[in-house]
C-alpha atoms as a PDB file:
ATOM      1  CA  MET A   1       0.067   0.142  -0.070  1.00  0.00           C
ATOM      2  CA  ALA A   2       1.382   3.324  -1.101  1.00  0.00           C
ATOM      3  CA  CYS A   3      -0.977   5.487   1.021  1.00  0.00           C
ATOM      4  CA  ASP A   4      -1.161   5.854   4.905  1.00  0.00           C
ATOM      5  CA  THR A   5      -4.116   7.609   6.471  1.00  0.00           C
ATOM      6  CA  HIS A   6      -3.469   7.688  10.075  1.00  0.00           C
ATOM      7  CA  SER A   7      -0.398   9.497  11.883  1.00  0.00           C
ATOM      8  CA  HIS A   8       0.491  11.713  14.767  1.00  0.00           C
ATOM      9  CA  THR A   9       3.148  14.237  15.207  1.00  0.00           C
ATOM     10  CA  VAL A  10       4.618  16.014  18.385  1.00  0.00           C
ATOM     11  CA  ALA A  11       1.435  18.407  18.077  1.00  0.00           C
ATOM     12  CA  SER A  12      -0.277  15.582  19.943  1.00  0.00           C
ATOM     13  CA  THR A  13       2.137  15.283  23.022  1.00  0.00           C
ATOM     14  CA  HIS A  14       1.967  11.679  23.328  1.00  0.00           C
ATOM     15  CA  ALA A  15       3.843  11.133  19.938  1.00  0.00           C
ATOM     16  CA  TYR A  16       7.154  11.903  19.134  1.00  0.00           C
ATOM     17  CA  SER A  17       7.961  13.263  15.437  1.00  0.00           C
ATOM     18  CA  THR A  18       7.631  16.024  13.412  1.00  0.00           C
ATOM     19  CA  LEU A  19       6.261  16.369   9.857  1.00  0.00           C
ATOM     20  CA  HIS A  20      10.054  16.595   8.664  1.00  0.00           C
ATOM     21  CA  ASP A  21      10.531  13.172  10.172  1.00  0.00           C
ATOM     22  CA  TYR A  22       7.150  11.787   8.651  1.00  0.00           C
ATOM     23  CA  ILE A  23       8.475  13.074   5.167  1.00  0.00           C
ATOM     24  CA  LYS A  24      11.723  11.215   5.366  1.00  0.00           C
ATOM     25  CA  SER A  25      10.184   8.046   6.896  1.00  0.00           C
ATOM     26  CA  ALA A  26       7.476   7.960   4.382  1.00  0.00           C
ATOM     27  CA  LYS A  27      10.159   7.886   1.639  1.00  0.00           C
ATOM     28  CA  ASP A  28      12.268   5.387   3.374  1.00  0.00           C
ATOM     29  CA  ASN A  29       9.247   3.110   3.995  1.00  0.00           C
ATOM     30  CA  GLY A  30       7.999   3.415   0.152  1.00  0.00           C
ATOM     31  CA  LEU A  31       4.966   5.481   0.566  1.00  0.00           C
ATOM     32  CA  SER A  32       3.876   8.006  -2.095  1.00  0.00           C
ATOM     33  CA  LEU A  33       1.220   9.762   0.277  1.00  0.00           C
ATOM     34  CA  PHE A  34       0.652   9.979   3.755  1.00  0.00           C
ATOM     35  CA  SER A  35      -1.550  11.944   6.082  1.00  0.00           C
ATOM     36  CA  ILE A  36      -1.009  13.985   9.592  1.00  0.00           C
ATOM     37  CA  THR A  37      -4.083  13.319  11.920  1.00  0.00           C
ATOM     38  CA  ASP A  38      -3.478  14.759  15.145  1.00  0.00           C
ATOM     39  CA  HIS A  39      -6.055  14.514  17.876  1.00  0.00           C
ATOM     40  CA  ALA A  40      -9.157  16.874  17.843  1.00  0.00           C
ATOM     41  CA  PRO A  41      -9.849  19.256  21.043  1.00  0.00           C
ATOM     42  CA  GLU A  42     -11.499  16.831  23.521  1.00  0.00           C
ATOM     43  CA  MET A  43      -8.175  14.764  23.825  1.00  0.00           C
ATOM     44  CA  PRO A  44      -6.487  15.934  26.813  1.00  0.00           C
ATOM     45  CA  ASP A  45      -3.295  16.531  24.730  1.00  0.00           C
ATOM     46  CA  SER A  46      -4.740  17.787  21.491  1.00  0.00           C
ATOM     47  CA  PRO A  47      -3.015  20.849  19.774  1.00  0.00           C
ATOM     48  CA  HIS A  48      -4.612  24.064  19.699  1.00  0.00           C
ATOM     49  CA  MET A  49      -7.211  24.728  16.768  1.00  0.00           C
ATOM     50  CA  TRP A  50      -4.729  26.802  15.255  1.00  0.00           C
ATOM     51  CA  HIS A  51      -2.598  23.838  14.199  1.00  0.00           C
ATOM     52  CA  PHE A  52      -5.405  22.397  12.076  1.00  0.00           C
ATOM     53  CA  GLY A  53      -6.177  26.066  10.766  1.00  0.00           C
ATOM     54  CA  ASN A  54      -2.694  26.752   9.781  1.00  0.00           C
ATOM     55  CA  MET A  55      -1.911  23.260   7.804  1.00  0.00           C
ATOM     56  CA  LYS A  56      -2.408  25.303   4.717  1.00  0.00           C
ATOM     57  CA  VAL A  57       1.198  26.435   4.977  1.00  0.00           C
ATOM     58  CA  TRP A  58       2.365  22.770   4.451  1.00  0.00           C
ATOM     59  CA  PRO A  59       3.377  22.086   0.685  1.00  0.00           C
ATOM     60  CA  ARG A  60       1.334  19.372  -0.843  1.00  0.00           C
ATOM     61  CA  VAL A  61       4.283  17.368  -2.096  1.00  0.00           C
ATOM     62  CA  VAL A  62       7.860  17.309  -0.921  1.00  0.00           C
ATOM     63  CA  ASN A  63      10.620  15.123  -2.398  1.00  0.00           C
ATOM     64  CA  ASN A  64       7.923  13.494  -4.451  1.00  0.00           C
ATOM     65  CA  ILE A  65       5.833  12.352  -1.247  1.00  0.00           C
ATOM     66  CA  GLY A  66       2.122  13.764  -1.032  1.00  0.00           C
ATOM     67  CA  ILE A  67       0.914  15.053   2.286  1.00  0.00           C
ATOM     68  CA  LEU A  68      -2.440  15.327   3.353  1.00  0.00           C
ATOM     69  CA  ARG A  69      -4.104  17.539   6.121  1.00  0.00           C
ATOM     70  CA  GLY A  70      -6.097  15.393   8.549  1.00  0.00           C
ATOM     71  CA  ILE A  71      -7.629  15.287  11.943  1.00  0.00           C
ATOM     72  CA  GLU A  72      -8.649  12.231  14.337  1.00  0.00           C
ATOM     73  CA  ALA A  73     -11.893  13.413  15.866  1.00  0.00           C
ATOM     74  CA  ASN A  74     -13.296  11.895  19.016  1.00  0.00           C
ATOM     75  CA  ILE A  75     -16.880  10.182  19.082  1.00  0.00           C
ATOM     76  CA  LEU A  76     -18.821  11.818  21.737  1.00  0.00           C
ATOM     77  CA  ALA A  77     -21.716  10.895  23.972  1.00  0.00           C
ATOM     78  CA  GLN A  78     -23.367  14.236  23.637  1.00  0.00           C
ATOM     79  CA  PRO A  79     -23.534  16.552  20.756  1.00  0.00           C
ATOM     80  CA  TYR A  80     -20.384  18.795  20.591  1.00  0.00           C
ATOM     81  CA  GLU A  81     -21.028  22.386  21.680  1.00  0.00           C
ATOM     82  CA  GLY A  82     -21.737  24.927  18.827  1.00  0.00           C
ATOM     83  CA  SER A  83     -22.236  22.031  16.060  1.00  0.00           C
ATOM     84  CA  GLY A  84     -25.841  21.227  16.220  1.00  0.00           C
ATOM     85  CA  GLN A  85     -26.409  17.669  16.494  1.00  0.00           C
ATOM     86  CA  ARG A  86     -22.881  16.531  15.462  1.00  0.00           C
ATOM     87  CA  TYR A  87     -21.547  13.950  18.063  1.00  0.00           C
ATOM     88  CA  VAL A  88     -17.804  14.430  17.188  1.00  0.00           C
ATOM     89  CA  ASP A  89     -15.607  17.066  18.278  1.00  0.00           C
ATOM     90  CA  LEU A  90     -15.097  19.057  15.076  1.00  0.00           C
ATOM     91  CA  PRO A  91     -15.479  22.814  15.342  1.00  0.00           C
ATOM     92  CA  ASN A  92     -17.482  24.315  12.262  1.00  0.00           C
ATOM     93  CA  GLY A  93     -14.359  26.710  11.913  1.00  0.00           C
ATOM     94  CA  VAL A  94     -11.802  24.059  11.335  1.00  0.00           C
ATOM     95  CA  LEU A  95     -13.816  21.966   8.584  1.00  0.00           C
ATOM     96  CA  PRO A  96     -12.553  23.964   5.563  1.00  0.00           C
ATOM     97  CA  TYR A  97      -8.961  23.269   6.426  1.00  0.00           C
ATOM     98  CA  LEU A  98      -9.317  19.490   6.375  1.00  0.00           C
ATOM     99  CA  ASP A  99      -8.743  17.135   3.751  1.00  0.00           C
ATOM    100  CA  PHE A 100     -10.549  14.425   5.882  1.00  0.00           C
ATOM    101  CA  ALA A 101     -11.424  13.403   9.228  1.00  0.00           C
ATOM    102  CA  ILE A 102     -11.193  10.215  11.319  1.00  0.00           C
ATOM    103  CA  ALA A 103     -13.536   9.688  14.055  1.00  0.00           C
ATOM    104  CA  SER A 104     -12.530   7.224  16.918  1.00  0.00           C
ATOM    105  CA  PHE A 105     -13.412   6.165  20.357  1.00  0.00           C
ATOM    106  CA  HIS A 106     -10.838   7.085  23.227  1.00  0.00           C
ATOM    107  CA  GLU A 107     -11.306   6.244  26.697  1.00  0.00           C
ATOM    108  CA  PRO A 108     -10.373   9.716  28.041  1.00  0.00           C
ATOM    109  CA  VAL A 109     -13.363  11.175  26.016  1.00  0.00           C
ATOM    110  CA  PHE A 110     -15.879   8.475  25.755  1.00  0.00           C
ATOM    111  CA  THR A 111     -16.592   5.894  28.655  1.00  0.00           C
ATOM    112  CA  PRO A 112     -16.979   2.390  27.389  1.00  0.00           C
ATOM    113  CA  GLY A 113     -20.516   1.554  27.276  1.00  0.00           C
ATOM    114  CA  SER A 114     -22.783  -1.469  26.231  1.00  0.00           C
ATOM    115  CA  ILE A 115     -22.928  -2.823  22.756  1.00  0.00           C
ATOM    116  CA  LYS A 116     -26.183  -0.640  22.144  1.00  0.00           C
ATOM    117  CA  ASP A 117     -24.617   2.419  23.280  1.00  0.00           C
ATOM    118  CA  ASN A 118     -21.251   2.007  21.487  1.00  0.00           C
ATOM    119  CA  THR A 119     -23.146   1.086  18.297  1.00  0.00           C
ATOM    120  CA  LEU A 120     -25.379   4.143  18.515  1.00  0.00           C
ATOM    121  CA  ALA A 121     -22.469   6.489  19.092  1.00  0.00           C
ATOM    122  CA  MET A 122     -20.706   5.262  16.367  1.00  0.00           C
ATOM    123  CA  ILE A 123     -23.493   5.404  13.995  1.00  0.00           C
ATOM    124  CA  ARG A 124     -24.220   9.003  14.914  1.00  0.00           C
ATOM    125  CA  ALA A 125     -20.345   9.743  14.127  1.00  0.00           C
ATOM    126  CA  ILE A 126     -20.698   8.015  10.816  1.00  0.00           C
ATOM    127  CA  GLU A 127     -23.782   9.877  10.040  1.00  0.00           C
ATOM    128  CA  SER A 128     -22.537  13.336  10.731  1.00  0.00           C
ATOM    129  CA  GLY A 129     -21.608  14.010   7.381  1.00  0.00           C
ATOM    130  CA  VAL A 130     -18.246  15.490   8.545  1.00  0.00           C
ATOM    131  CA  ILE A 131     -16.064  12.177   8.796  1.00  0.00           C
ATOM    132  CA  GLN A 132     -14.871   9.877   6.212  1.00  0.00           C
ATOM    133  CA  ILE A 133     -13.088   7.158   8.242  1.00  0.00           C
ATOM    134  CA  VAL A 134     -13.882   5.431  11.553  1.00  0.00           C
ATOM    135  CA  GLY A 135     -10.700   4.795  13.433  1.00  0.00           C
ATOM    136  CA  HIS A 136      -9.689   1.507  15.108  1.00  0.00           C
ATOM    137  CA  PRO A 137     -13.450   0.222  15.126  1.00  0.00           C
ATOM    138  CA  GLY A 138     -12.171  -3.095  16.320  1.00  0.00           C
ATOM    139  CA  ASN A 139     -11.111  -1.816  19.972  1.00  0.00           C
ATOM    140  CA  PRO A 140     -12.059  -4.509  22.307  1.00  0.00           C
ATOM    141  CA  ASN A 141     -12.960  -1.983  24.836  1.00  0.00           C
ATOM    142  CA  TYR A 142     -15.906  -0.818  22.731  1.00  0.00           C
ATOM    143  CA  PRO A 143     -17.882  -3.817  21.539  1.00  0.00           C
ATOM    144  CA  ILE A 144     -20.367  -2.664  18.821  1.00  0.00           C
ATOM    145  CA  ASP A 145     -23.058  -4.472  16.657  1.00  0.00           C
ATOM    146  CA  GLN A 146     -20.606  -4.836  13.659  1.00  0.00           C
ATOM    147  CA  ASP A 147     -23.262  -5.604  11.143  1.00  0.00           C
ATOM    148  CA  GLU A 148     -25.293  -2.578  11.959  1.00  0.00           C
ATOM    149  CA  VAL A 149     -22.092  -0.103  11.833  1.00  0.00           C
ATOM    150  CA  VAL A 150     -20.877  -1.676   8.417  1.00  0.00           C
ATOM    151  CA  ARG A 151     -24.420  -0.963   7.029  1.00  0.00           C
ATOM    152  CA  ALA A 152     -24.482   2.564   8.172  1.00  0.00           C
ATOM    153  CA  ALA A 153     -20.727   3.012   7.079  1.00  0.00           C
ATOM    154  CA  LYS A 154     -21.795   1.880   3.363  1.00  0.00           C
ATOM    155  CA  ASP A 155     -24.905   4.008   3.474  1.00  0.00           C
ATOM    156  CA  ASN A 156     -22.864   7.095   4.337  1.00  0.00           C
ATOM    157  CA  ASN A 157     -19.541   6.119   2.283  1.00  0.00           C
ATOM    158  CA  VAL A 158     -17.590   6.251   5.239  1.00  0.00           C
ATOM    159  CA  LEU A 159     -14.523   3.733   5.528  1.00  0.00           C
ATOM    160  CA  LEU A 160     -13.718   1.428   8.573  1.00  0.00           C
ATOM    161  CA  GLU A 161     -10.253   1.426   9.458  1.00  0.00           C
ATOM    162  CA  ILE A 162      -8.067  -1.643   9.797  1.00  0.00           C
ATOM    163  CA  ASN A 163      -5.368  -0.074  12.243  1.00  0.00           C
ATOM    164  CA  ASN A 164      -1.840  -1.820  12.150  1.00  0.00           C
ATOM    165  CA  SER A 165      -1.028  -0.196  15.765  1.00  0.00           C
ATOM    166  CA  SER A 166      -4.267  -2.067  17.071  1.00  0.00           C
ATOM    167  CA  LEU A 167      -2.653  -5.359  16.174  1.00  0.00           C
ATOM    168  CA  LEU A 168       0.781  -4.628  17.772  1.00  0.00           C
ATOM    169  CA  LEU A 169       0.982  -2.513  21.087  1.00  0.00           C
ATOM    170  CA  SER A 170      -2.034  -0.694  21.031  1.00  0.00           C
ATOM    171  CA  ARG A 171      -5.448  -1.855  22.140  1.00  0.00           C
ATOM    172  CA  VAL A 172      -4.479  -5.278  22.891  1.00  0.00           C
ATOM    173  CA  GLY A 173      -7.063  -7.911  21.965  1.00  0.00           C
ATOM    174  CA  SER A 174      -8.302  -6.063  18.843  1.00  0.00           C
ATOM    175  CA  GLU A 175      -7.191  -8.923  16.226  1.00  0.00           C
ATOM    176  CA  PRO A 176     -10.535 -11.377  16.442  1.00  0.00           C
ATOM    177  CA  HIS A 177     -12.757  -8.170  16.424  1.00  0.00           C
ATOM    178  CA  CYS A 178     -10.888  -6.595  13.232  1.00  0.00           C
ATOM    179  CA  ILE A 179     -11.212 -10.080  11.454  1.00  0.00           C
ATOM    180  CA  SER A 180     -14.829  -9.999  12.343  1.00  0.00           C
ATOM    181  CA  ILE A 181     -15.186  -6.536  10.772  1.00  0.00           C
ATOM    182  CA  LEU A 182     -13.342  -7.483   7.693  1.00  0.00           C
ATOM    183  CA  GLU A 183     -15.760 -10.429   7.271  1.00  0.00           C
ATOM    184  CA  ASN A 184     -18.903  -8.241   7.856  1.00  0.00           C
ATOM    185  CA  VAL A 185     -17.272  -5.712   5.301  1.00  0.00           C
ATOM    186  CA  MET A 186     -16.895  -8.581   2.797  1.00  0.00           C
ATOM    187  CA  LYS A 187     -20.517  -9.621   3.481  1.00  0.00           C
ATOM    188  CA  HIS A 188     -21.974  -6.185   2.711  1.00  0.00           C
ATOM    189  CA  ASP A 189     -19.274  -5.553  -0.106  1.00  0.00           C
ATOM    190  CA  TRP A 190     -18.022  -2.597   1.440  1.00  0.00           C
ATOM    191  CA  LYS A 191     -14.556  -0.643   1.812  1.00  0.00           C
ATOM    192  CA  ILE A 192     -11.880  -0.130   4.402  1.00  0.00           C
ATOM    193  CA  SER A 193      -8.866   2.117   5.091  1.00  0.00           C
ATOM    194  CA  VAL A 194      -5.583   0.843   6.334  1.00  0.00           C
ATOM    195  CA  GLY A 195      -3.712   3.080   8.777  1.00  0.00           C
ATOM    196  CA  SER A 196      -0.710   2.698  10.607  1.00  0.00           C
ATOM    197  CA  ASP A 197      -1.627   4.992  13.575  1.00  0.00           C
ATOM    198  CA  ALA A 198       2.007   5.865  13.684  1.00  0.00           C
ATOM    199  CA  HIS A 199       3.230   7.735  16.801  1.00  0.00           C
ATOM    200  CA  ILE A 200       6.807   7.917  15.745  1.00  0.00           C
ATOM    201  CA  SER A 201       7.555   8.618  12.131  1.00  0.00           C
ATOM    202  CA  PHE A 202       9.504   5.269  11.824  1.00  0.00           C
ATOM    203  CA  ASP A 203       6.152   3.351  11.984  1.00  0.00           C
ATOM    204  CA  VAL A 204       4.639   5.156   9.032  1.00  0.00           C
ATOM    205  CA  GLY A 205       3.422   3.074   6.152  1.00  0.00           C
ATOM    206  CA  ILE A 206       4.180   0.033   8.068  1.00  0.00           C
ATOM    207  CA  PHE A 207       1.159  -2.176   7.680  1.00  0.00           C
ATOM    208  CA  ASP A 208       2.822  -5.912   8.125  1.00  0.00           C
ATOM    209  CA  SER A 209       0.273  -7.034  10.625  1.00  0.00           C
ATOM    210  CA  ALA A 210      -2.784  -5.541   8.731  1.00  0.00           C
ATOM    211  CA  GLU A 211      -1.642  -6.962   5.477  1.00  0.00           C
ATOM    212  CA  ALA A 212      -1.221 -10.514   6.970  1.00  0.00           C
ATOM    213  CA  MET A 213      -4.750 -10.073   8.379  1.00  0.00           C
ATOM    214  CA  LEU A 214      -6.324  -8.984   4.858  1.00  0.00           C
ATOM    215  CA  GLU A 215      -4.558 -11.859   3.211  1.00  0.00           C
ATOM    216  CA  GLN A 216      -5.858 -14.446   6.062  1.00  0.00           C
ATOM    217  CA  VAL A 217      -9.442 -13.488   5.205  1.00  0.00           C
ATOM    218  CA  GLY A 218      -9.082 -13.037   1.475  1.00  0.00           C
ATOM    219  CA  PHE A 219      -9.960  -9.369   1.406  1.00  0.00           C
ATOM    220  CA  LYS A 220      -9.959  -7.786  -2.231  1.00  0.00           C
ATOM    221  CA  ASP A 221      -7.421  -5.116  -3.088  1.00  0.00           C
ATOM    222  CA  ASP A 222     -10.470  -3.266  -4.936  1.00  0.00           C
ATOM    223  CA  ASN A 223     -11.986  -2.578  -1.508  1.00  0.00           C
ATOM    224  CA  ILE A 224      -9.085  -0.930   0.068  1.00  0.00           C
ATOM    225  CA  GLU A 225      -9.632   2.664  -0.835  1.00  0.00           C
ATOM    226  CA  THR A 226      -6.166   3.631   0.580  1.00  0.00           C
ATOM    227  CA  LYS A 227      -4.487   1.128  -1.619  1.00  0.00           C
ATOM    228  CA  THR A 228      -3.088   3.842  -3.934  1.00  0.00           C
ATOM    229  CA  PRO A 229      -3.144   7.882  -3.674  1.00  0.00           C
ATOM    230  CA  VAL A 230      -5.444   7.879  -6.882  1.00  0.00           C
ATOM    231  CA  LYS A 231      -7.857   5.891  -5.317  1.00  0.00           C
ATOM    232  CA  PHE A 232      -8.109   7.697  -2.003  1.00  0.00           C
ATOM    233  CA  ILE A 233      -8.151  11.075  -3.397  1.00  0.00           C
ATOM    234  CA  LYS A 234     -11.139  10.139  -5.771  1.00  0.00           C
ATOM    235  CA  PHE A 235     -12.796   8.779  -2.606  1.00  0.00           C
ATOM    236  CA  LEU A 236     -12.117  12.062  -0.680  1.00  0.00           C
ATOM    237  CA  GLN A 237     -13.559  13.788  -4.007  1.00  0.00           C
ATOM    238  CA  GLU A 238     -16.764  11.889  -3.482  1.00  0.00           C
ATOM    239  CA  HIS A 239     -17.198  13.757  -0.148  1.00  0.00           C
ATOM    240  CA  GLY A 240     -16.802  17.045  -1.762  1.00  0.00           C
ATOM    241  CA  LYS A 241     -13.305  17.526  -1.227  1.00  0.00           C
ATOM    242  CA  THR A 242     -11.353  19.616  -3.521  1.00  0.00           C
ATOM    243  CA  PHE A 243      -7.591  19.938  -4.358  1.00  0.00           C
ATOM    244  CA  ASP A 244      -5.738  22.216  -6.593  1.00  0.00           C
ATOM    245  CA  GLU A 245      -4.944  21.051 -10.180  1.00  0.00           C
ATOM    246  CA  GLY A 246      -1.248  20.826  -9.514  1.00  0.00           C
ATOM    247  CA  PHE A 247      -1.677  18.327  -6.824  1.00  0.00           C
ATOM    248  CA  LEU A 248      -4.278  16.468  -8.729  1.00  0.00           C
ATOM    249  CA  ASN A 249      -1.769  16.095 -11.827  1.00  0.00           C
ATOM    250  CA  TRP A 250       0.796  14.878  -9.395  1.00  0.00           C
ATOM    251  CA  VAL A 251      -1.503  12.414  -8.158  1.00  0.00           C
ATOM    252  CA  GLU A 252      -2.243  10.935 -11.458  1.00  0.00           C
ATOM    253  CA  SER A 253       1.172  10.750 -12.414  1.00  0.00           C
ATOM    254  CA  ILE A 254       2.278   8.442  -9.589  1.00  0.00           C
ATOM    255  CA  GLY A 255      -1.019   6.250  -9.912  1.00  0.00           C
END
């Protein structure tokens, strides 16, 4: 896979690398496109909102590596203040500066609940209209009705993430839940993203555990929207995201 949609910089202070570090590691690890998705405001160590608004200063391409401007929002139990009925912490003012948004459960923000409560919260985030990916939905601390979630994701053109970090040191016990999610996605002929969830640049573009799982269940490449930069950018365009002509030409040139 030439595209990584989930990573964190020192702007989220439990991570350890800079944008410059990620550009070098992305090239070293064979990526063509990667995304910085630092945490949204309800996480205790999230960056100030100016961090996201000022991502416009980043070059789109450095050393033939494309850079996307993202955020990892938090799934909330109550609507976010000032957002109407949006159950993710995405302020209206930051949305125009984002190429895409992930929404995830995080223990400091959302206390794990019953299958019913977790499922309702995840589907509310999916139906918000402002996210494109559900992050690490196989987290065993948040059991969900996977069939209902996959149906909602397909209905709203939202991807379910297979998170490589969840299969290593984070969210221990995720593997059987991720396998079951993949099987449900296959049953409904839906799509996924694959992200490293790197918190240090050396891990960006490393998907070994996720790729082994995809092979294990026989998941089709056609249903991995992050397989290539072209596929992922076209997916984002389906969500109304726009990019300048020079960047689109570059994406087409690398495939």
